[in-house]
PDB file of N, CA and C in Angstrom:
ATOM      1  N   MET A   1       1.460  -0.890  -0.088  1.00  0.00           N
ATOM      2  CA  MET A   1       0.401  -0.447  -0.134  1.00  0.00           C
ATOM      3  C   MET A   1       0.592   0.946   0.192  1.00  0.00           C
ATOM      4  N   SER A   2       1.011   1.979  -0.776  1.00  0.00           N
ATOM      5  CA  SER A   2       1.282   3.477  -1.083  1.00  0.00           C
ATOM      6  C   SER A   2       0.346   4.332  -0.493  1.00  0.00           C
ATOM      7  N   ILE A   3       0.006   5.437  -0.154  1.00  0.00           N
ATOM      8  CA  ILE A   3       0.428   7.516   0.070  1.00  0.00           C
ATOM      9  C   ILE A   3       1.107   8.082  -0.421  1.00  0.00           C
ATOM     10  N   LYS A   4       0.242   9.370  -1.371  1.00  0.00           N
ATOM     11  CA  LYS A   4       0.793  10.618  -1.321  1.00  0.00           C
ATOM     12  C   LYS A   4       1.043  11.081  -0.654  1.00  0.00           C
ATOM     13  N   ILE A   5       1.993  12.017  -0.415  1.00  0.00           N
ATOM     14  CA  ILE A   5       2.017  12.452   0.920  1.00  0.00           C
ATOM     15  C   ILE A   5       2.275  14.067   0.144  1.00  0.00           C
ATOM     16  N   ALA A   6       2.871  14.942   1.663  1.00  0.00           N
ATOM     17  CA  ALA A   6       2.343  16.571   0.691  1.00  0.00           C
ATOM     18  C   ALA A   6       3.826  16.927   0.458  1.00  0.00           C
ATOM     19  N   GLY A   7       4.271  17.434  -1.120  1.00  0.00           N
ATOM     20  CA  GLY A   7       5.241  17.841  -2.643  1.00  0.00           C
ATOM     21  C   GLY A   7       5.092  16.149  -3.061  1.00  0.00           C
ATOM     22  N   GLY A   8       3.303  15.761  -3.355  1.00  0.00           N
ATOM     23  CA  GLY A   8       3.636  14.421  -4.328  1.00  0.00           C
ATOM     24  C   GLY A   8       4.464  12.973  -4.095  1.00  0.00           C
ATOM     25  N   ASN A   9       5.278  12.771  -3.403  1.00  0.00           N
ATOM     26  CA  ASN A   9       5.719  11.748  -3.723  1.00  0.00           C
ATOM     27  C   ASN A   9       5.013  10.732  -3.081  1.00  0.00           C
ATOM     28  N   LYS A  10       5.240   9.518  -3.613  1.00  0.00           N
ATOM     29  CA  LYS A  10       3.975   8.000  -2.919  1.00  0.00           C
ATOM     30  C   LYS A  10       4.808   7.348  -1.603  1.00  0.00           C
ATOM     31  N   VAL A  11       5.372   7.400  -0.545  1.00  0.00           N
ATOM     32  CA  VAL A  11       5.365   6.136   0.617  1.00  0.00           C
ATOM     33  C   VAL A  11       4.922   5.175   0.258  1.00  0.00           C
ATOM     34  N   GLU A  12       5.708   3.686   0.768  1.00  0.00           N
ATOM     35  CA  GLU A  12       5.854   2.560   0.403  1.00  0.00           C
ATOM     36  C   GLU A  12       4.957   2.315   1.915  1.00  0.00           C
ATOM     37  N   LEU A  13       3.941   1.963   2.955  1.00  0.00           N
ATOM     38  CA  LEU A  13       3.672   1.740   3.954  1.00  0.00           C
ATOM     39  C   LEU A  13       4.110   0.706   4.398  1.00  0.00           C
ATOM     40  N   ALA A  14       3.904  -0.593   3.786  1.00  0.00           N
ATOM     41  CA  ALA A  14       4.013  -1.509   4.125  1.00  0.00           C
ATOM     42  C   ALA A  14       4.711  -1.756   4.986  1.00  0.00           C
ATOM     43  N   ILE A  15       6.256  -1.822   4.597  1.00  0.00           N
ATOM     44  CA  ILE A  15       7.252  -1.532   4.791  1.00  0.00           C
ATOM     45  C   ILE A  15       7.616  -1.025   5.494  1.00  0.00           C
ATOM     46  N   LYS A  16       6.761   0.992   6.600  1.00  0.00           N
ATOM     47  CA  LYS A  16       7.612   1.373   7.016  1.00  0.00           C
ATOM     48  C   LYS A  16       7.450   1.064   8.923  1.00  0.00           C
ATOM     49  N   PRO A  17       7.913   0.574   9.623  1.00  0.00           N
ATOM     50  CA  PRO A  17       7.488  -0.092  11.391  1.00  0.00           C
ATOM     51  C   PRO A  17       7.499   1.669  11.830  1.00  0.00           C
ATOM     52  N   CYS A  18       8.110   2.838  11.134  1.00  0.00           N
ATOM     53  CA  CYS A  18       6.016   4.015  12.029  1.00  0.00           C
ATOM     54  C   CYS A  18       5.900   5.008  10.734  1.00  0.00           C
ATOM     55  N   LEU A  19       4.667   5.138  11.579  1.00  0.00           N
ATOM     56  CA  LEU A  19       3.516   6.434  10.459  1.00  0.00           C
ATOM     57  C   LEU A  19       4.069   7.417  11.589  1.00  0.00           C
ATOM     58  N   SER A  20       4.089   9.464  10.557  1.00  0.00           N
ATOM     59  CA  SER A  20       4.300  10.039  10.100  1.00  0.00           C
ATOM     60  C   SER A  20       3.315  10.407  10.773  1.00  0.00           C
ATOM     61  N   ILE A  21       3.022  11.710  12.088  1.00  0.00           N
ATOM     62  CA  ILE A  21       1.507  12.433  11.855  1.00  0.00           C
ATOM     63  C   ILE A  21       0.142  12.709  10.466  1.00  0.00           C
ATOM     64  N   ALA A  22       1.569  13.049   9.246  1.00  0.00           N
ATOM     65  CA  ALA A  22       1.464  13.292   8.187  1.00  0.00           C
ATOM     66  C   ALA A  22       0.315  11.988   7.501  1.00  0.00           C
ATOM     67  N   GLU A  23       1.156  10.746   7.359  1.00  0.00           N
ATOM     68  CA  GLU A  23       0.690   9.489   6.971  1.00  0.00           C
ATOM     69  C   GLU A  23       0.101   9.023   8.070  1.00  0.00           C
ATOM     70  N   LEU A  24      -0.791   8.839   9.779  1.00  0.00           N
ATOM     71  CA  LEU A  24      -1.396   8.624  10.201  1.00  0.00           C
ATOM     72  C   LEU A  24      -2.916   9.679   9.360  1.00  0.00           C
ATOM     73  N   VAL A  25      -3.006  11.086   9.184  1.00  0.00           N
ATOM     74  CA  VAL A  25      -3.836  11.266   8.936  1.00  0.00           C
ATOM     75  C   VAL A  25      -4.042  10.341   7.680  1.00  0.00           C
ATOM     76  N   GLU A  26      -3.433  10.519   6.162  1.00  0.00           N
ATOM     77  CA  GLU A  26      -3.511   9.911   5.071  1.00  0.00           C
ATOM     78  C   GLU A  26      -4.135   8.382   5.427  1.00  0.00           C
ATOM     79  N   LEU A  27      -3.827   7.865   6.164  1.00  0.00           N
ATOM     80  CA  LEU A  27      -4.542   6.136   6.376  1.00  0.00           C
ATOM     81  C   LEU A  27      -5.726   6.290   7.188  1.00  0.00           C
ATOM     82  N   GLY A  28      -6.765   7.289   8.252  1.00  0.00           N
ATOM     83  CA  GLY A  28      -7.512   7.623   9.444  1.00  0.00           C
ATOM     84  C   GLY A  28      -7.358   7.003  10.443  1.00  0.00           C
ATOM     85  N   PRO A  29      -8.062   6.732  10.962  1.00  0.00           N
ATOM     86  CA  PRO A  29      -9.438   8.159  10.550  1.00  0.00           C
ATOM     87  C   PRO A  29      -9.425   9.351  11.140  1.00  0.00           C
ATOM     88  N   LEU A  30      -8.318   9.358  11.843  1.00  0.00           N
ATOM     89  CA  LEU A  30      -9.088  10.954  12.037  1.00  0.00           C
ATOM     90  C   LEU A  30      -8.252  12.408  11.684  1.00  0.00           C
ATOM     91  N   SER A  31      -7.884  13.470  12.216  1.00  0.00           N
ATOM     92  CA  SER A  31      -8.142  14.441  11.368  1.00  0.00           C
ATOM     93  C   SER A  31      -6.418  14.768  12.500  1.00  0.00           C
ATOM     94  N   ARG A  32      -4.885  15.917  11.543  1.00  0.00           N
ATOM     95  CA  ARG A  32      -4.397  15.783  12.592  1.00  0.00           C
ATOM     96  C   ARG A  32      -4.660  16.118  13.415  1.00  0.00           C
ATOM     97  N   ALA A  33      -5.220  16.630  14.078  1.00  0.00           N
ATOM     98  CA  ALA A  33      -5.951  17.573  15.577  1.00  0.00           C
ATOM     99  C   ALA A  33      -6.301  16.534  15.714  1.00  0.00           C
ATOM    100  N   GLY A  34      -7.076  15.650  16.059  1.00  0.00           N
ATOM    101  CA  GLY A  34      -7.070  14.089  16.368  1.00  0.00           C
ATOM    102  C   GLY A  34      -6.522  13.244  16.358  1.00  0.00           C
ATOM    103  N   TRP A  35      -5.120  12.696  16.220  1.00  0.00           N
ATOM    104  CA  TRP A  35      -4.303  12.655  16.504  1.00  0.00           C
ATOM    105  C   TRP A  35      -3.557  12.727  17.697  1.00  0.00           C
ATOM    106  N   PHE A  36      -3.681  14.473  17.994  1.00  0.00           N
ATOM    107  CA  PHE A  36      -2.911  15.186  18.693  1.00  0.00           C
ATOM    108  C   PHE A  36      -3.407  14.634  19.737  1.00  0.00           C
ATOM    109  N   ASN A  37      -4.770  14.707  19.652  1.00  0.00           N
ATOM    110  CA  ASN A  37      -5.821  14.881  21.278  1.00  0.00           C
ATOM    111  C   ASN A  37      -5.633  13.108  21.360  1.00  0.00           C
ATOM    112  N   ALA A  38      -6.062  12.115  20.148  1.00  0.00           N
ATOM    113  CA  ALA A  38      -5.528  11.242  20.736  1.00  0.00           C
ATOM    114  C   ALA A  38      -4.405  10.500  21.813  1.00  0.00           C
ATOM    115  N   ILE A  39      -2.748  11.634  21.032  1.00  0.00           N
ATOM    116  CA  ILE A  39      -2.191  10.269  21.794  1.00  0.00           C
ATOM    117  C   ILE A  39      -2.136  11.207  22.947  1.00  0.00           C
ATOM    118  N   ARG A  40      -2.242  13.122  23.605  1.00  0.00           N
ATOM    119  CA  ARG A  40      -2.145  13.581  24.397  1.00  0.00           C
ATOM    120  C   ARG A  40      -3.224  12.403  25.049  1.00  0.00           C
ATOM    121  N   ASP A  41      -4.047  12.558  24.497  1.00  0.00           N
ATOM    122  CA  ASP A  41      -5.737  11.169  26.062  1.00  0.00           C
ATOM    123  C   ASP A  41      -4.745   9.745  26.433  1.00  0.00           C
ATOM    124  N   GLY A  42      -4.079   9.401  25.964  1.00  0.00           N
ATOM    125  CA  GLY A  42      -3.367   8.449  25.884  1.00  0.00           C
ATOM    126  C   GLY A  42      -3.990   6.875  25.382  1.00  0.00           C
ATOM    127  N   ARG A  43      -4.237   7.435  24.581  1.00  0.00           N
ATOM    128  CA  ARG A  43      -5.331   6.690  23.268  1.00  0.00           C
ATOM    129  C   ARG A  43      -4.624   5.566  22.650  1.00  0.00           C
ATOM    130  N   VAL A  44      -3.470   6.355  22.605  1.00  0.00           N
ATOM    131  CA  VAL A  44      -2.596   6.126  20.721  1.00  0.00           C
ATOM    132  C   VAL A  44      -1.083   6.770  21.753  1.00  0.00           C
ATOM    133  N   THR A  45      -0.016   5.241  21.155  1.00  0.00           N
ATOM    134  CA  THR A  45       1.450   5.590  22.241  1.00  0.00           C
ATOM    135  C   THR A  45       1.928   6.661  20.682  1.00  0.00           C
ATOM    136  N   ALA A  46       2.850   7.159  21.251  1.00  0.00           N
ATOM    137  CA  ALA A  46       3.566   8.055  19.883  1.00  0.00           C
ATOM    138  C   ALA A  46       5.300   8.076  20.855  1.00  0.00           C
ATOM    139  N   ARG A  47       5.732   8.385  19.618  1.00  0.00           N
ATOM    140  CA  ARG A  47       6.969   8.628  20.299  1.00  0.00           C
ATOM    141  C   ARG A  47       8.308   9.622  19.976  1.00  0.00           C
ATOM    142  N   LYS A  48       9.416  10.406  20.317  1.00  0.00           N
ATOM    143  CA  LYS A  48       9.662  11.362  18.999  1.00  0.00           C
ATOM    144  C   LYS A  48      10.851  10.760  18.825  1.00  0.00           C
ATOM    145  N   LEU A  49      11.124  11.021  17.257  1.00  0.00           N
ATOM    146  CA  LEU A  49      12.886  11.173  16.449  1.00  0.00           C
ATOM    147  C   LEU A  49      12.590  12.096  16.252  1.00  0.00           C
ATOM    148  N   GLY A  50      13.948  13.141  17.271  1.00  0.00           N
ATOM    149  CA  GLY A  50      14.351  13.950  17.146  1.00  0.00           C
ATOM    150  C   GLY A  50      13.195  14.610  17.373  1.00  0.00           C
ATOM    151  N   SER A  51      12.568  15.724  16.762  1.00  0.00           N
ATOM    152  CA  SER A  51      11.071  16.459  16.625  1.00  0.00           C
ATOM    153  C   SER A  51      10.787  15.827  15.893  1.00  0.00           C
ATOM    154  N   ARG A  52      10.476  15.250  15.048  1.00  0.00           N
ATOM    155  CA  ARG A  52       9.612  14.821  14.905  1.00  0.00           C
ATOM    156  C   ARG A  52       8.497  13.574  15.596  1.00  0.00           C
ATOM    157  N   THR A  53       6.785  13.898  15.444  1.00  0.00           N
ATOM    158  CA  THR A  53       6.282  13.285  16.507  1.00  0.00           C
ATOM    159  C   THR A  53       5.837  11.059  15.387  1.00  0.00           C
ATOM    160  N   VAL A  54       6.399  10.028  15.923  1.00  0.00           N
ATOM    161  CA  VAL A  54       5.452   8.671  15.175  1.00  0.00           C
ATOM    162  C   VAL A  54       5.063   8.148  15.866  1.00  0.00           C
ATOM    163  N   VAL A  55       4.358   7.404  14.866  1.00  0.00           N
ATOM    164  CA  VAL A  55       3.895   5.947  16.434  1.00  0.00           C
ATOM    165  C   VAL A  55       3.787   5.052  15.552  1.00  0.00           C
ATOM    166  N   LEU A  56       4.565   3.459  16.559  1.00  0.00           N
ATOM    167  CA  LEU A  56       4.763   2.276  15.660  1.00  0.00           C
ATOM    168  C   LEU A  56       3.405   1.305  14.258  1.00  0.00           C
ATOM    169  N   ARG A  57       3.498   0.485  13.552  1.00  0.00           N
ATOM    170  CA  ARG A  57       2.307   0.291  13.316  1.00  0.00           C
ATOM    171  C   ARG A  57       1.112  -0.153  13.661  1.00  0.00           C
ATOM    172  N   GLU A  58       2.392  -0.874  14.892  1.00  0.00           N
ATOM    173  CA  GLU A  58       1.779  -1.897  15.759  1.00  0.00           C
ATOM    174  C   GLU A  58       1.211  -0.588  17.144  1.00  0.00           C
ATOM    175  N   ASP A  59       1.457   0.332  17.626  1.00  0.00           N
ATOM    176  CA  ASP A  59       0.892   0.544  18.148  1.00  0.00           C
ATOM    177  C   ASP A  59      -1.154   1.333  17.204  1.00  0.00           C
ATOM    178  N   TYR A  60       0.118   1.648  16.014  1.00  0.00           N
ATOM    179  CA  TYR A  60      -1.256   2.290  14.834  1.00  0.00           C
ATOM    180  C   TYR A  60      -2.736   0.833  15.625  1.00  0.00           C
ATOM    181  N   GLU A  61      -2.166  -0.483  14.837  1.00  0.00           N
ATOM    182  CA  GLU A  61      -3.743  -0.801  15.034  1.00  0.00           C
ATOM    183  C   GLU A  61      -3.351  -1.616  16.288  1.00  0.00           C
ATOM    184  N   ARG A  62      -3.242  -0.975  17.148  1.00  0.00           N
ATOM    185  CA  ARG A  62      -3.577  -1.757  18.428  1.00  0.00           C
ATOM    186  C   ARG A  62      -4.979  -0.300  19.005  1.00  0.00           C
ATOM    187  N   PHE A  63      -4.231   1.014  18.507  1.00  0.00           N
ATOM    188  CA  PHE A  63      -5.409   1.368  18.141  1.00  0.00           C
ATOM    189  C   PHE A  63      -7.114   1.349  17.729  1.00  0.00           C
ATOM    190  N   LEU A  64      -6.765   0.961  16.463  1.00  0.00           N
ATOM    191  CA  LEU A  64      -7.344   0.595  15.462  1.00  0.00           C
ATOM    192  C   LEU A  64      -8.344  -0.873  16.242  1.00  0.00           C
ATOM    193  N   ARG A  65      -8.220  -1.648  16.806  1.00  0.00           N
ATOM    194  CA  ARG A  65      -8.333  -2.606  17.425  1.00  0.00           C
ATOM    195  C   ARG A  65      -8.615  -2.439  18.301  1.00  0.00           C
ATOM    196  N   GLY A  66      -8.546  -1.477  18.921  1.00  0.00           N
ATOM    197  CA  GLY A  66      -9.678  -0.889  20.348  1.00  0.00           C
ATOM    198  C   GLY A  66     -10.445   0.216  19.923  1.00  0.00           C
ATOM    199  N   LEU A  67     -11.097   0.649  18.882  1.00  0.00           N
ATOM    200  CA  LEU A  67     -12.164   1.256  18.635  1.00  0.00           C
ATOM    201  C   LEU A  67     -13.385   0.601  18.877  1.00  0.00           C
ATOM    202  N   PRO A  68     -14.479   1.099  19.169  1.00  0.00           N
ATOM    203  CA  PRO A  68     -15.472  -0.014  19.374  1.00  0.00           C
ATOM    204  C   PRO A  68     -16.778  -0.322  18.749  1.00  0.00           C
ATOM    205  N   ILE A  69     -16.753  -1.626  18.151  1.00  0.00           N
ATOM    206  CA  ILE A  69     -17.613  -2.755  17.936  1.00  0.00           C
ATOM    207  C   ILE A  69     -19.089  -1.457  17.182  1.00  0.00           C
ATOM    208  N   ALA A  70     -19.375  -0.814  16.005  1.00  0.00           N
ATOM    209  CA  ALA A  70     -20.161  -0.241  15.259  1.00  0.00           C
ATOM    210  C   ALA A  70     -21.589  -1.633  15.566  1.00  0.00           C
ATOM    211  N   ARG A  71     -22.392  -1.469  16.028  1.00  0.00           N
ATOM    212  CA  ARG A  71     -23.579  -1.707  16.140  1.00  0.00           C
ATOM    213  C   ARG A  71     -25.150  -1.249  15.294  1.00  0.00           C
ATOM    214  N   SER A  72     -25.467  -2.369  14.733  1.00  0.00           N
ATOM    215  CA  SER A  72     -26.269  -1.792  13.614  1.00  0.00           C
ATOM    216  C   SER A  72     -28.108  -0.933  14.629  1.00  0.00           C
ATOM    217  N   ALA A  73     -28.333   0.251  13.970  1.00  0.00           N
ATOM    218  CA  ALA A  73     -29.966   0.628  14.973  1.00  0.00           C
ATOM    219  C   ALA A  73     -30.353  -1.128  14.938  1.00  0.00           C
ATOM    220  N   ARG A  74     -30.572  -1.597  13.483  1.00  0.00           N
ATOM    221  CA  ARG A  74     -31.554  -2.911  14.211  1.00  0.00           C
ATOM    222  C   ARG A  74     -31.287  -3.947  15.004  1.00  0.00           C
ATOM    223  N   ALA A  75     -29.890  -3.936  14.498  1.00  0.00           N
ATOM    224  CA  ALA A  75     -29.255  -5.431  16.254  1.00  0.00           C
ATOM    225  C   ALA A  75     -29.787  -4.844  17.440  1.00  0.00           C
ATOM    226  N   ALA A  76     -30.105  -3.356  17.580  1.00  0.00           N
ATOM    227  CA  ALA A  76     -30.222  -2.681  19.102  1.00  0.00           C
ATOM    228  C   ALA A  76     -31.920  -3.296  19.593  1.00  0.00           C
ATOM    229  N   ALA A  77     -32.526  -3.192  18.444  1.00  0.00           N
ATOM    230  CA  ALA A  77     -34.091  -3.202  18.316  1.00  0.00           C
ATOM    231  C   ALA A  77     -34.632  -4.707  19.039  1.00  0.00           C
TER     232      ALA A  77
END
């Protein structure tokens, strides 16, 4: 899987062990501010790489697996 980031560059995500905030925004499901809020609230673990904030792929996947399961209105009735 590759995504296009600022400057039109493509980045191959399958081989990247960590993701920048810009890459997380491209992958979703949160905006830039949403990712920083999730980091601040402790819902996702971030690390500093120099001045850059990065999230390990495994932490991103753990965050996604921890999201609540959607229930349809029909299932609730």
